[in-house]
Amino acid sequence: FLENAATADAIKKNPSEAAKDNIRQLARQADKLLGKQ
C-alpha cells in the first residue's frame, strides 16, 4: 500500500548494479537486527 509493487518486482527481477550494492547494504543492516532484543 505504501510502495508500488510493480516497481519493487521489476527491481527484484532485474536490479541495477547500484541496486545490488544497496540490497547488500540492506541485508547488512537487517543482519544487525537478527539478534537484537
PDB file of all heavy atoms in Angstrom:
ATOM      1  N   PHE A   1       0.812  -1.211   0.000  1.00  0.00           N
ATOM      2  CA  PHE A   1       0.000   0.000   0.000  1.00  0.00           C
ATOM      3  C   PHE A   1       0.851   1.269   0.000  1.00  0.00           C
ATOM      4  O   PHE A   1       0.398   2.316  -0.460  1.00  0.00           O
ATOM      5  CB  PHE A   1      -0.930   0.012   1.217  1.00  0.00           C
ATOM      6  CG  PHE A   1      -1.674  -1.283   1.401  1.00  0.00           C
ATOM      7  CD1 PHE A   1      -1.525  -2.031   2.560  1.00  0.00           C
ATOM      8  CD2 PHE A   1      -2.498  -1.771   0.396  1.00  0.00           C
ATOM      9  CE1 PHE A   1      -2.198  -3.225   2.717  1.00  0.00           C
ATOM     10  CE2 PHE A   1      -3.185  -2.965   0.549  1.00  0.00           C
ATOM     11  CZ  PHE A   1      -3.031  -3.703   1.717  1.00  0.00           C
ATOM     12  N   LEU A   2       2.073   1.183   0.509  1.00  0.00           N
ATOM     13  CA  LEU A   2       2.934   2.355   0.639  1.00  0.00           C
ATOM     14  C   LEU A   2       3.976   2.453  -0.463  1.00  0.00           C
ATOM     15  O   LEU A   2       4.642   3.486  -0.596  1.00  0.00           O
ATOM     16  CB  LEU A   2       3.649   2.335   1.996  1.00  0.00           C
ATOM     17  CG  LEU A   2       2.760   2.181   3.231  1.00  0.00           C
ATOM     18  CD1 LEU A   2       3.615   2.183   4.485  1.00  0.00           C
ATOM     19  CD2 LEU A   2       1.712   3.279   3.295  1.00  0.00           C
ATOM     20  N   GLU A   3       4.137   1.402  -1.230  1.00  0.00           N
ATOM     21  CA  GLU A   3       5.095   1.384  -2.322  1.00  0.00           C
ATOM     22  C   GLU A   3       4.428   0.772  -3.546  1.00  0.00           C
ATOM     23  O   GLU A   3       3.429   0.064  -3.432  1.00  0.00           O
ATOM     24  CB  GLU A   3       6.342   0.555  -1.969  1.00  0.00           C
ATOM     25  CG  GLU A   3       7.066   0.979  -0.708  1.00  0.00           C
ATOM     26  CD  GLU A   3       7.771   2.324  -0.821  1.00  0.00           C
ATOM     27  OE1 GLU A   3       7.806   2.891  -1.931  1.00  0.00           O
ATOM     28  OE2 GLU A   3       8.290   2.798   0.203  1.00  0.00           O
ATOM     29  N   ASN A   4       5.000   1.023  -4.706  1.00  0.00           N
ATOM     30  CA  ASN A   4       4.482   0.456  -5.938  1.00  0.00           C
ATOM     31  C   ASN A   4       5.005  -0.971  -6.093  1.00  0.00           C
ATOM     32  O   ASN A   4       6.211  -1.180  -6.254  1.00  0.00           O
ATOM     33  CB  ASN A   4       4.906   1.319  -7.128  1.00  0.00           C
ATOM     34  CG  ASN A   4       4.289   0.851  -8.425  1.00  0.00           C
ATOM     35  OD1 ASN A   4       4.575  -0.231  -8.916  1.00  0.00           O
ATOM     36  ND2 ASN A   4       3.426   1.686  -8.989  1.00  0.00           N
ATOM     37  N   ALA A   5       4.103  -1.928  -6.040  1.00  0.00           N
ATOM     38  CA  ALA A   5       4.503  -3.332  -6.067  1.00  0.00           C
ATOM     39  C   ALA A   5       5.156  -3.710  -7.391  1.00  0.00           C
ATOM     40  O   ALA A   5       6.109  -4.510  -7.421  1.00  0.00           O
ATOM     41  CB  ALA A   5       3.289  -4.223  -5.798  1.00  0.00           C
ATOM     42  N   ALA A   6       4.680  -3.158  -8.504  1.00  0.00           N
ATOM     43  CA  ALA A   6       5.262  -3.481  -9.808  1.00  0.00           C
ATOM     44  C   ALA A   6       6.695  -2.974  -9.906  1.00  0.00           C
ATOM     45  O   ALA A   6       7.569  -3.651 -10.468  1.00  0.00           O
ATOM     46  CB  ALA A   6       4.407  -2.881 -10.928  1.00  0.00           C
ATOM     47  N   THR A   7       6.952  -1.795  -9.345  1.00  0.00           N
ATOM     48  CA  THR A   7       8.313  -1.262  -9.342  1.00  0.00           C
ATOM     49  C   THR A   7       9.234  -2.146  -8.518  1.00  0.00           C
ATOM     50  O   THR A   7      10.351  -2.475  -8.947  1.00  0.00           O
ATOM     51  CB  THR A   7       8.317   0.170  -8.771  1.00  0.00           C
ATOM     52  OG1 THR A   7       7.523   1.008  -9.604  1.00  0.00           O
ATOM     53  CG2 THR A   7       9.733   0.719  -8.695  1.00  0.00           C
ATOM     54  N   ALA A   8       8.778  -2.546  -7.330  1.00  0.00           N
ATOM     55  CA  ALA A   8       9.590  -3.423  -6.483  1.00  0.00           C
ATOM     56  C   ALA A   8       9.870  -4.744  -7.181  1.00  0.00           C
ATOM     57  O   ALA A   8      10.996  -5.267  -7.136  1.00  0.00           O
ATOM     58  CB  ALA A   8       8.864  -3.661  -5.156  1.00  0.00           C
ATOM     59  N   ASP A   9       8.871  -5.288  -7.848  1.00  0.00           N
ATOM     60  CA  ASP A   9       9.023  -6.558  -8.558  1.00  0.00           C
ATOM     61  C   ASP A   9      10.046  -6.432  -9.680  1.00  0.00           C
ATOM     62  O   ASP A   9      10.900  -7.321  -9.859  1.00  0.00           O
ATOM     63  CB  ASP A   9       7.665  -6.983  -9.111  1.00  0.00           C
ATOM     64  CG  ASP A   9       7.721  -8.289  -9.879  1.00  0.00           C
ATOM     65  OD1 ASP A   9       7.988  -9.330  -9.257  1.00  0.00           O
ATOM     66  OD2 ASP A   9       7.510  -8.263 -11.112  1.00  0.00           O
ATOM     67  N   ALA A  10       9.989  -5.338 -10.417  1.00  0.00           N
ATOM     68  CA  ALA A  10      10.927  -5.138 -11.518  1.00  0.00           C
ATOM     69  C   ALA A  10      12.361  -5.023 -11.013  1.00  0.00           C
ATOM     70  O   ALA A  10      13.292  -5.573 -11.622  1.00  0.00           O
ATOM     71  CB  ALA A  10      10.535  -3.883 -12.305  1.00  0.00           C
ATOM     72  N   ILE A  11      12.544  -4.330  -9.909  1.00  0.00           N
ATOM     73  CA  ILE A  11      13.884  -4.189  -9.330  1.00  0.00           C
ATOM     74  C   ILE A  11      14.392  -5.534  -8.833  1.00  0.00           C
ATOM     75  O   ILE A  11      15.571  -5.880  -9.027  1.00  0.00           O
ATOM     76  CB  ILE A  11      13.875  -3.144  -8.204  1.00  0.00           C
ATOM     77  CG1 ILE A  11      13.587  -1.758  -8.771  1.00  0.00           C
ATOM     78  CG2 ILE A  11      15.195  -3.154  -7.435  1.00  0.00           C
ATOM     79  CD1 ILE A  11      13.292  -0.711  -7.722  1.00  0.00           C
ATOM     80  N   LYS A  12      13.519  -6.295  -8.208  1.00  0.00           N
ATOM     81  CA  LYS A  12      13.927  -7.617  -7.709  1.00  0.00           C
ATOM     82  C   LYS A  12      14.357  -8.532  -8.861  1.00  0.00           C
ATOM     83  O   LYS A  12      15.361  -9.245  -8.749  1.00  0.00           O
ATOM     84  CB  LYS A  12      12.782  -8.253  -6.935  1.00  0.00           C
ATOM     85  CG  LYS A  12      13.118  -9.634  -6.377  1.00  0.00           C
ATOM     86  CD  LYS A  12      11.984 -10.202  -5.533  1.00  0.00           C
ATOM     87  CE  LYS A  12      12.368 -11.567  -4.981  1.00  0.00           C
ATOM     88  NZ  LYS A  12      11.319 -12.128  -4.100  1.00  0.00           N
ATOM     89  N   LYS A  13      13.628  -8.485  -9.948  1.00  0.00           N
ATOM     90  CA  LYS A  13      13.917  -9.380 -11.071  1.00  0.00           C
ATOM     91  C   LYS A  13      15.126  -8.934 -11.871  1.00  0.00           C
ATOM     92  O   LYS A  13      15.845  -9.768 -12.434  1.00  0.00           O
ATOM     93  CB  LYS A  13      12.692  -9.466 -11.981  1.00  0.00           C
ATOM     94  CG  LYS A  13      11.535 -10.245 -11.375  1.00  0.00           C
ATOM     95  CD  LYS A  13      10.325 -10.236 -12.291  1.00  0.00           C
ATOM     96  CE  LYS A  13       9.192 -11.062 -11.697  1.00  0.00           C
ATOM     97  NZ  LYS A  13       7.951 -10.972 -12.525  1.00  0.00           N
ATOM     98  N   ASN A  14      15.356  -7.634 -11.948  1.00  0.00           N
ATOM     99  CA  ASN A  14      16.454  -7.135 -12.777  1.00  0.00           C
ATOM    100  C   ASN A  14      17.111  -5.923 -12.122  1.00  0.00           C
ATOM    101  O   ASN A  14      17.022  -4.795 -12.619  1.00  0.00           O
ATOM    102  CB  ASN A  14      15.929  -6.774 -14.169  1.00  0.00           C
ATOM    103  CG  ASN A  14      17.046  -6.425 -15.137  1.00  0.00           C
ATOM    104  OD1 ASN A  14      18.181  -6.906 -15.005  1.00  0.00           O
ATOM    105  ND2 ASN A  14      16.741  -5.571 -16.103  1.00  0.00           N
ATOM    106  N   PRO A  15      17.803  -6.129 -10.991  1.00  0.00           N
ATOM    107  CA  PRO A  15      18.399  -4.992 -10.280  1.00  0.00           C
ATOM    108  C   PRO A  15      19.609  -4.435 -11.020  1.00  0.00           C
ATOM    109  O   PRO A  15      20.381  -5.184 -11.621  1.00  0.00           O
ATOM    110  CB  PRO A  15      18.813  -5.598  -8.930  1.00  0.00           C
ATOM    111  CG  PRO A  15      19.066  -7.045  -9.242  1.00  0.00           C
ATOM    112  CD  PRO A  15      18.068  -7.411 -10.310  1.00  0.00           C
ATOM    113  N   SER A  16      19.748  -3.129 -10.949  1.00  0.00           N
ATOM    114  CA  SER A  16      20.957  -2.493 -11.481  1.00  0.00           C
ATOM    115  C   SER A  16      22.125  -2.811 -10.553  1.00  0.00           C
ATOM    116  O   SER A  16      21.936  -3.331  -9.446  1.00  0.00           O
ATOM    117  CB  SER A  16      20.756  -0.984 -11.555  1.00  0.00           C
ATOM    118  OG  SER A  16      20.613  -0.456 -10.238  1.00  0.00           O
ATOM    119  N   GLU A  17      23.327  -2.466 -11.001  1.00  0.00           N
ATOM    120  CA  GLU A  17      24.491  -2.700 -10.136  1.00  0.00           C
ATOM    121  C   GLU A  17      24.385  -1.878  -8.856  1.00  0.00           C
ATOM    122  O   GLU A  17      24.740  -2.349  -7.764  1.00  0.00           O
ATOM    123  CB  GLU A  17      25.773  -2.356 -10.888  1.00  0.00           C
ATOM    124  CG  GLU A  17      26.116  -3.328 -12.003  1.00  0.00           C
ATOM    125  CD  GLU A  17      26.214  -4.775 -11.509  1.00  0.00           C
ATOM    126  OE1 GLU A  17      26.866  -5.003 -10.461  1.00  0.00           O
ATOM    127  OE2 GLU A  17      25.628  -5.659 -12.147  1.00  0.00           O
ATOM    128  N   ALA A  18      23.868  -0.641  -8.977  1.00  0.00           N
ATOM    129  CA  ALA A  18      23.699   0.188  -7.780  1.00  0.00           C
ATOM    130  C   ALA A  18      22.666  -0.436  -6.844  1.00  0.00           C
ATOM    131  O   ALA A  18      22.851  -0.448  -5.622  1.00  0.00           O
ATOM    132  CB  ALA A  18      23.263   1.595  -8.180  1.00  0.00           C
ATOM    133  N   ALA A  19      21.584  -0.963  -7.419  1.00  0.00           N
ATOM    134  CA  ALA A  19      20.561  -1.602  -6.586  1.00  0.00           C
ATOM    135  C   ALA A  19      21.127  -2.833  -5.885  1.00  0.00           C
ATOM    136  O   ALA A  19      20.819  -3.087  -4.710  1.00  0.00           O
ATOM    137  CB  ALA A  19      19.348  -1.975  -7.432  1.00  0.00           C
ATOM    138  N   LYS A  20      21.946  -3.597  -6.589  1.00  0.00           N
ATOM    139  CA  LYS A  20      22.563  -4.782  -5.964  1.00  0.00           C
ATOM    140  C   LYS A  20      23.413  -4.375  -4.761  1.00  0.00           C
ATOM    141  O   LYS A  20      23.374  -5.027  -3.708  1.00  0.00           O
ATOM    142  CB  LYS A  20      23.427  -5.523  -6.982  1.00  0.00           C
ATOM    143  CG  LYS A  20      22.635  -6.245  -8.060  1.00  0.00           C
ATOM    144  CD  LYS A  20      23.578  -6.902  -9.065  1.00  0.00           C
ATOM    145  CE  LYS A  20      22.818  -7.563 -10.197  1.00  0.00           C
ATOM    146  NZ  LYS A  20      23.721  -8.143 -11.225  1.00  0.00           N
ATOM    147  N   ASP A  21      24.189  -3.310  -4.916  1.00  0.00           N
ATOM    148  CA  ASP A  21      25.013  -2.819  -3.814  1.00  0.00           C
ATOM    149  C   ASP A  21      24.132  -2.390  -2.635  1.00  0.00           C
ATOM    150  O   ASP A  21      24.436  -2.688  -1.472  1.00  0.00           O
ATOM    151  CB  ASP A  21      25.870  -1.639  -4.265  1.00  0.00           C
ATOM    152  CG  ASP A  21      27.016  -2.062  -5.164  1.00  0.00           C
ATOM    153  OD1 ASP A  21      27.348  -3.267  -5.173  1.00  0.00           O
ATOM    154  OD2 ASP A  21      27.555  -1.192  -5.881  1.00  0.00           O
ATOM    155  N   ASN A  22      23.046  -1.695  -2.947  1.00  0.00           N
ATOM    156  CA  ASN A  22      22.159  -1.227  -1.882  1.00  0.00           C
ATOM    157  C   ASN A  22      21.398  -2.379  -1.223  1.00  0.00           C
ATOM    158  O   ASN A  22      21.123  -2.325  -0.024  1.00  0.00           O
ATOM    159  CB  ASN A  22      21.177  -0.197  -2.447  1.00  0.00           C
ATOM    160  CG  ASN A  22      21.847   1.141  -2.726  1.00  0.00           C
ATOM    161  OD1 ASN A  22      22.702   1.582  -1.970  1.00  0.00           O
ATOM    162  ND2 ASN A  22      21.475   1.780  -3.830  1.00  0.00           N
ATOM    163  N   ILE A  23      21.069  -3.410  -1.984  1.00  0.00           N
ATOM    164  CA  ILE A  23      20.423  -4.590  -1.393  1.00  0.00           C
ATOM    165  C   ILE A  23      21.382  -5.287  -0.434  1.00  0.00           C
ATOM    166  O   ILE A  23      20.990  -5.746   0.641  1.00  0.00           O
ATOM    167  CB  ILE A  23      19.931  -5.544  -2.497  1.00  0.00           C
ATOM    168  CG1 ILE A  23      18.718  -4.921  -3.210  1.00  0.00           C
ATOM    169  CG2 ILE A  23      19.555  -6.909  -1.915  1.00  0.00           C
ATOM    170  CD1 ILE A  23      18.317  -5.633  -4.488  1.00  0.00           C
ATOM    171  N   ARG A  24      22.646  -5.353  -0.813  1.00  0.00           N
ATOM    172  CA  ARG A  24      23.644  -5.928   0.104  1.00  0.00           C
ATOM    173  C   ARG A  24      23.746  -5.087   1.382  1.00  0.00           C
ATOM    174  O   ARG A  24      23.893  -5.630   2.482  1.00  0.00           O
ATOM    175  CB  ARG A  24      25.001  -6.042  -0.597  1.00  0.00           C
ATOM    176  CG  ARG A  24      25.076  -7.189  -1.594  1.00  0.00           C
ATOM    177  CD  ARG A  24      26.495  -7.414  -2.090  1.00  0.00           C
ATOM    178  NE  ARG A  24      26.913  -6.399  -3.052  1.00  0.00           N
ATOM    179  CZ  ARG A  24      26.759  -6.511  -4.368  1.00  0.00           C
ATOM    180  NH1 ARG A  24      26.194  -7.587  -4.893  1.00  0.00           N
ATOM    181  NH2 ARG A  24      27.182  -5.552  -5.185  1.00  0.00           N
ATOM    182  N   GLN A  25      23.668  -3.760   1.222  1.00  0.00           N
ATOM    183  CA  GLN A  25      23.704  -2.889   2.400  1.00  0.00           C
ATOM    184  C   GLN A  25      22.461  -3.102   3.256  1.00  0.00           C
ATOM    185  O   GLN A  25      22.540  -3.144   4.489  1.00  0.00           O
ATOM    186  CB  GLN A  25      23.799  -1.428   1.967  1.00  0.00           C
ATOM    187  CG  GLN A  25      23.903  -0.458   3.140  1.00  0.00           C
ATOM    188  CD  GLN A  25      23.919   1.001   2.706  1.00  0.00           C
ATOM    189  OE1 GLN A  25      24.036   1.311   1.525  1.00  0.00           O
ATOM    190  NE2 GLN A  25      23.777   1.907   3.661  1.00  0.00           N
ATOM    191  N   LEU A  26      21.301  -3.254   2.623  1.00  0.00           N
ATOM    192  CA  LEU A  26      20.061  -3.529   3.357  1.00  0.00           C
ATOM    193  C   LEU A  26      20.196  -4.822   4.153  1.00  0.00           C
ATOM    194  O   LEU A  26      19.801  -4.892   5.326  1.00  0.00           O
ATOM    195  CB  LEU A  26      18.894  -3.625   2.376  1.00  0.00           C
ATOM    196  CG  LEU A  26      17.536  -4.012   2.962  1.00  0.00           C
ATOM    197  CD1 LEU A  26      17.004  -2.910   3.864  1.00  0.00           C
ATOM    198  CD2 LEU A  26      16.539  -4.323   1.838  1.00  0.00           C
ATOM    199  N   ALA A  27      20.780  -5.840   3.536  1.00  0.00           N
ATOM    200  CA  ALA A  27      20.958  -7.126   4.219  1.00  0.00           C
ATOM    201  C   ALA A  27      21.896  -6.978   5.421  1.00  0.00           C
ATOM    202  O   ALA A  27      21.652  -7.566   6.481  1.00  0.00           O
ATOM    203  CB  ALA A  27      21.487  -8.164   3.241  1.00  0.00           C
ATOM    204  N   ARG A  28      22.947  -6.191   5.259  1.00  0.00           N
ATOM    205  CA  ARG A  28      23.871  -5.986   6.382  1.00  0.00           C
ATOM    206  C   ARG A  28      23.166  -5.290   7.543  1.00  0.00           C
ATOM    207  O   ARG A  28      23.382  -5.624   8.717  1.00  0.00           O
ATOM    208  CB  ARG A  28      25.098  -5.182   5.932  1.00  0.00           C
ATOM    209  CG  ARG A  28      26.049  -5.937   5.030  1.00  0.00           C
ATOM    210  CD  ARG A  28      27.372  -5.209   4.876  1.00  0.00           C
ATOM    211  NE  ARG A  28      27.232  -3.945   4.164  1.00  0.00           N
ATOM    212  CZ  ARG A  28      27.314  -3.803   2.839  1.00  0.00           C
ATOM    213  NH1 ARG A  28      27.522  -4.858   2.080  1.00  0.00           N
ATOM    214  NH2 ARG A  28      27.193  -2.611   2.284  1.00  0.00           N
ATOM    215  N   GLN A  29      22.342  -4.311   7.220  1.00  0.00           N
ATOM    216  CA  GLN A  29      21.584  -3.630   8.273  1.00  0.00           C
ATOM    217  C   GLN A  29      20.587  -4.576   8.927  1.00  0.00           C
ATOM    218  O   GLN A  29      20.397  -4.563  10.142  1.00  0.00           O
ATOM    219  CB  GLN A  29      20.878  -2.412   7.689  1.00  0.00           C
ATOM    220  CG  GLN A  29      21.826  -1.305   7.265  1.00  0.00           C
ATOM    221  CD  GLN A  29      21.096  -0.101   6.683  1.00  0.00           C
ATOM    222  OE1 GLN A  29      19.875  -0.036   6.685  1.00  0.00           O
ATOM    223  NE2 GLN A  29      21.850   0.867   6.177  1.00  0.00           N
ATOM    224  N   ALA A  30      19.943  -5.404   8.120  1.00  0.00           N
ATOM    225  CA  ALA A  30      18.984  -6.368   8.664  1.00  0.00           C
ATOM    226  C   ALA A  30      19.676  -7.415   9.533  1.00  0.00           C
ATOM    227  O   ALA A  30      19.112  -7.875  10.536  1.00  0.00           O
ATOM    228  CB  ALA A  30      18.219  -7.043   7.520  1.00  0.00           C
ATOM    229  N   ASP A  31      20.905  -7.777   9.174  1.00  0.00           N
ATOM    230  CA  ASP A  31      21.660  -8.748   9.972  1.00  0.00           C
ATOM    231  C   ASP A  31      21.820  -8.271  11.417  1.00  0.00           C
ATOM    232  O   ASP A  31      21.819  -9.076  12.362  1.00  0.00           O
ATOM    233  CB  ASP A  31      23.044  -8.985   9.362  1.00  0.00           C
ATOM    234  CG  ASP A  31      23.002  -9.865   8.120  1.00  0.00           C
ATOM    235  OD1 ASP A  31      22.009 -10.607   7.946  1.00  0.00           O
ATOM    236  OD2 ASP A  31      23.954  -9.794   7.323  1.00  0.00           O
ATOM    237  N   LYS A  32      21.965  -6.966  11.597  1.00  0.00           N
ATOM    238  CA  LYS A  32      22.156  -6.420  12.938  1.00  0.00           C
ATOM    239  C   LYS A  32      20.900  -6.550  13.803  1.00  0.00           C
ATOM    240  O   LYS A  32      20.979  -6.442  15.030  1.00  0.00           O
ATOM    241  CB  LYS A  32      22.567  -4.947  12.845  1.00  0.00           C
ATOM    242  CG  LYS A  32      23.918  -4.727  12.163  1.00  0.00           C
ATOM    243  CD  LYS A  32      24.236  -3.245  12.036  1.00  0.00           C
ATOM    244  CE  LYS A  32      25.554  -3.018  11.310  1.00  0.00           C
ATOM    245  NZ  LYS A  32      25.860  -1.574  11.141  1.00  0.00           N
ATOM    246  N   LEU A  33      19.769  -6.778  13.156  1.00  0.00           N
ATOM    247  CA  LEU A  33      18.513  -6.900  13.892  1.00  0.00           C
ATOM    248  C   LEU A  33      18.223  -8.330  14.323  1.00  0.00           C
ATOM    249  O   LEU A  33      17.365  -8.553  15.182  1.00  0.00           O
ATOM    250  CB  LEU A  33      17.351  -6.399  13.020  1.00  0.00           C
ATOM    251  CG  LEU A  33      17.428  -4.947  12.561  1.00  0.00           C
ATOM    252  CD1 LEU A  33      16.311  -4.666  11.557  1.00  0.00           C
ATOM    253  CD2 LEU A  33      17.310  -4.002  13.753  1.00  0.00           C
ATOM    254  N   LEU A  34      18.936  -9.289  13.746  1.00  0.00           N
ATOM    255  CA  LEU A  34      18.594 -10.692  13.976  1.00  0.00           C
ATOM    256  C   LEU A  34      18.761 -11.106  15.430  1.00  0.00           C
ATOM    257  O   LEU A  34      17.982 -11.898  15.955  1.00  0.00           O
ATOM    258  CB  LEU A  34      19.437 -11.599  13.067  1.00  0.00           C
ATOM    259  CG  LEU A  34      19.188 -11.425  11.573  1.00  0.00           C
ATOM    260  CD1 LEU A  34      20.151 -12.289  10.755  1.00  0.00           C
ATOM    261  CD2 LEU A  34      17.740 -11.771  11.213  1.00  0.00           C
ATOM    262  N   GLY A  35      19.763 -10.594  16.092  1.00  0.00           N
ATOM    263  CA  GLY A  35      19.989 -10.965  17.487  1.00  0.00           C
ATOM    264  C   GLY A  35      19.550  -9.917  18.483  1.00  0.00           C
ATOM    265  O   GLY A  35      19.768 -10.058  19.689  1.00  0.00           O
ATOM    266  N   LYS A  36      18.917  -8.848  17.982  1.00  0.00           N
ATOM    267  CA  LYS A  36      18.537  -7.744  18.859  1.00  0.00           C
ATOM    268  C   LYS A  36      17.300  -8.077  19.681  1.00  0.00           C
ATOM    269  O   LYS A  36      16.360  -8.711  19.203  1.00  0.00           O
ATOM    270  CB  LYS A  36      18.267  -6.488  18.018  1.00  0.00           C
ATOM    271  CG  LYS A  36      17.909  -5.258  18.836  1.00  0.00           C
ATOM    272  CD  LYS A  36      17.738  -4.022  17.963  1.00  0.00           C
ATOM    273  CE  LYS A  36      17.299  -2.818  18.788  1.00  0.00           C
ATOM    274  NZ  LYS A  36      17.154  -1.599  17.970  1.00  0.00           N
ATOM    275  N   GLN A  37      17.308  -7.652  20.937  1.00  0.00           N
ATOM    276  CA  GLN A  37      16.150  -7.799  21.810  1.00  0.00           C
ATOM    277  C   GLN A  37      15.297  -6.536  21.738  1.00  0.00           C
ATOM    278  O   GLN A  37      15.824  -5.424  21.774  1.00  0.00           O
ATOM    279  CB  GLN A  37      16.601  -8.049  23.251  1.00  0.00           C
ATOM    280  CG  GLN A  37      17.387  -9.335  23.446  1.00  0.00           C
ATOM    281  CD  GLN A  37      16.573 -10.568  23.108  1.00  0.00           C
ATOM    282  OE1 GLN A  37      15.448 -10.740  23.578  1.00  0.00           O
ATOM    283  NE2 GLN A  37      17.144 -11.440  22.277  1.00  0.00           N
TER     284      GLN A  37
END
